[in-house]
Amino acid sequence: MQEEIEQRNRPIRILVSKLGLDGHDRGALVICRALRDAGMEVIYSGLFCTPEQVAKIAIEEDVDVIAMSLLNGAHSVLFPKVARLVREKGGNNILLIGGGIIPEADKKILETEGVMGNFGPGTPLPTIIDYIASNVKAKK
């Protein structure tokens, strides 16, 4: 019971990840700062992560959210792979969100794989923060 209370009272823990061969991290760094300023605990994976690394970090760090960013078009392969690996490791309650250059048609496909949000460039930071906060509460 005490553990449940402590878990509910702790800040949202979020892993921000740059997957694959995408070295464009300015947006991810801006997101990290905005989430931190909103009171969330942010773990930044750094550049060039594999889906296996992201899933491992997420489970080890007991995150509530994985925010994945890609600008190189590999989102339709890498995001679902992270989702599958996280589920295989027991992270069914982790909210998975995507961001980057994601065509509208791909957003629907990613949602069927469990990757939600899928925010594009120019999305207001409060929109992303509110989405995360409300969806983490819904999962708990």
Protein backbone atom coordinates (compact mmCIF):
# COMPACT_ATOMS: atom_id res chain seq x y z
CA MET A 1 0.00 0.00 0.00
CA GLN A 2 2.76 2.45 0.97
CA GLU A 3 4.57 1.69 -2.31
CA GLU A 4 1.41 2.46 -4.28
CA ILE A 5 1.04 5.81 -2.50
CA GLU A 6 4.69 6.70 -3.05
CA GLN A 7 4.42 5.78 -6.73
CA ARG A 8 1.36 7.98 -7.20
CA ASN A 9 3.03 10.93 -5.49
CA ARG A 10 6.28 10.79 -7.42
CA PRO A 11 6.86 12.95 -10.49
CA ILE A 12 6.22 11.50 -13.92
CA ARG A 13 9.42 9.75 -15.09
CA ILE A 14 10.02 10.08 -18.81
CA LEU A 15 12.69 8.71 -21.11
CA VAL A 16 13.37 10.92 -24.12
CA SER A 17 15.13 8.99 -26.84
CA LYS A 18 16.73 9.65 -30.21
CA LEU A 19 16.60 6.37 -32.10
CA GLY A 20 18.62 5.09 -35.00
CA LEU A 21 20.82 7.22 -37.20
CA ASP A 22 19.10 10.52 -36.50
CA GLY A 23 21.58 13.06 -35.15
CA HIS A 24 19.13 15.97 -35.00
CA ASP A 25 18.62 16.46 -31.29
CA ARG A 26 17.71 20.14 -30.88
CA GLY A 27 13.97 19.40 -30.64
CA ALA A 28 14.52 16.53 -28.21
CA LEU A 29 16.65 18.75 -26.00
CA VAL A 30 13.97 21.46 -26.02
CA ILE A 31 11.39 18.83 -25.06
CA CYS A 32 13.65 17.58 -22.24
CA ARG A 33 13.91 21.07 -20.80
CA ALA A 34 10.18 21.77 -21.10
CA LEU A 35 9.25 18.48 -19.42
CA ARG A 36 11.76 19.08 -16.63
CA ASP A 37 10.44 22.61 -16.12
CA ALA A 38 6.93 21.11 -15.89
CA GLY A 39 8.08 19.02 -12.91
CA MET A 40 8.78 15.72 -14.63
CA GLU A 41 11.90 13.59 -14.09
CA VAL A 42 13.61 13.40 -17.47
CA ILE A 43 16.13 10.82 -18.60
CA TYR A 44 17.73 11.58 -21.97
CA SER A 45 19.14 8.56 -23.78
CA GLY A 46 21.46 10.53 -26.02
CA LEU A 47 21.83 10.01 -29.75
CA PHE A 48 21.86 6.87 -31.90
CA CYS A 49 20.03 4.45 -29.59
CA THR A 50 18.81 1.06 -30.68
CA PRO A 51 15.29 -0.09 -29.81
CA GLU A 52 16.87 -2.67 -27.49
CA GLN A 53 18.75 0.05 -25.60
CA VAL A 54 15.63 2.18 -25.25
CA ALA A 55 13.55 -0.73 -23.92
CA LYS A 56 16.30 -1.69 -21.47
CA ILE A 57 16.71 1.85 -20.14
CA ALA A 58 12.95 2.27 -19.79
CA ILE A 59 12.54 -0.89 -17.71
CA GLU A 60 15.65 -0.28 -15.59
CA GLU A 61 14.66 3.32 -14.86
CA ASP A 62 11.00 2.44 -14.16
CA VAL A 63 9.70 5.16 -16.46
CA ASP A 64 6.08 6.11 -16.97
CA VAL A 65 6.66 7.39 -20.51
CA ILE A 66 8.98 6.81 -23.44
CA ALA A 67 9.11 9.79 -25.80
CA MET A 68 10.78 8.79 -29.07
CA SER A 69 11.98 11.30 -31.63
CA LEU A 70 12.90 10.67 -35.26
CA LEU A 71 13.32 12.98 -38.18
CA ASN A 72 14.77 10.54 -40.71
CA GLY A 73 11.70 8.52 -41.70
CA ALA A 74 12.52 5.33 -39.78
CA HIS A 75 9.66 5.85 -37.31
CA SER A 76 7.48 3.17 -38.92
CA VAL A 77 10.16 0.54 -38.20
CA LEU A 78 11.85 1.71 -34.98
CA PHE A 79 8.87 2.98 -32.93
CA PRO A 80 6.89 -0.29 -33.24
CA LYS A 81 10.03 -2.29 -32.43
CA VAL A 82 10.46 -0.33 -29.19
CA ALA A 83 6.78 -0.91 -28.39
CA ARG A 84 7.15 -4.67 -28.91
CA LEU A 85 10.33 -4.93 -26.86
CA VAL A 86 8.88 -2.89 -23.99
CA ARG A 87 5.78 -5.13 -23.90
CA GLU A 88 7.98 -8.24 -23.95
CA LYS A 89 9.87 -6.88 -20.92
CA GLY A 90 6.64 -6.26 -18.99
CA GLY A 91 6.33 -2.52 -19.58
CA ASN A 92 2.65 -2.66 -20.54
CA ASN A 93 1.82 0.44 -18.46
CA ILE A 94 4.46 2.63 -20.10
CA LEU A 95 2.99 5.35 -22.30
CA LEU A 96 4.76 5.44 -25.66
CA ILE A 97 4.71 8.68 -27.62
CA GLY A 98 6.36 9.67 -30.84
CA GLY A 99 7.57 12.88 -32.32
CA GLY A 100 9.28 14.12 -35.44
CA ILE A 101 8.50 14.16 -39.13
CA ILE A 102 5.63 11.69 -39.23
CA PRO A 103 3.14 11.75 -42.12
CA GLU A 104 -0.54 11.70 -41.11
CA ALA A 105 -1.08 8.25 -42.65
CA ASP A 106 1.77 6.83 -40.56
CA LYS A 107 0.33 8.25 -37.34
CA LYS A 108 -2.67 5.92 -37.54
CA ILE A 109 -0.41 2.92 -38.14
CA LEU A 110 1.80 3.85 -35.18
CA GLU A 111 -1.27 4.19 -32.95
CA THR A 112 -2.29 0.60 -33.76
CA GLU A 113 1.19 -0.41 -32.54
CA GLY A 114 0.66 1.48 -29.27
CA VAL A 115 2.67 4.61 -30.09
CA MET A 116 0.46 7.61 -29.40
CA GLY A 117 0.74 11.39 -29.69
CA ASN A 118 3.09 11.47 -32.66
CA PHE A 119 3.70 15.18 -32.42
CA GLY A 120 5.23 17.08 -35.31
CA PRO A 121 7.46 20.13 -35.50
CA GLY A 122 5.81 23.25 -34.16
CA THR A 123 3.55 21.48 -31.68
CA PRO A 124 3.18 23.83 -28.71
CA LEU A 125 5.09 22.52 -25.70
CA PRO A 126 2.06 22.87 -23.36
CA THR A 127 0.12 20.56 -25.72
CA ILE A 128 2.75 17.85 -25.33
CA ILE A 129 3.05 18.34 -21.56
CA ASP A 130 -0.73 18.22 -21.08
CA TYR A 131 -1.00 15.12 -23.25
CA ILE A 132 1.63 13.29 -21.21
CA ALA A 133 0.20 14.38 -17.84
CA SER A 134 -3.38 13.41 -18.66
CA ASN A 135 -2.47 10.08 -20.27
CA VAL A 136 -0.11 8.99 -17.48
CA LYS A 137 -2.89 9.70 -14.94
CA ALA A 138 -5.28 7.61 -17.05
CA LYS A 139 -2.85 4.65 -17.09
CA LYS A 140 -2.37 4.73 -13.30
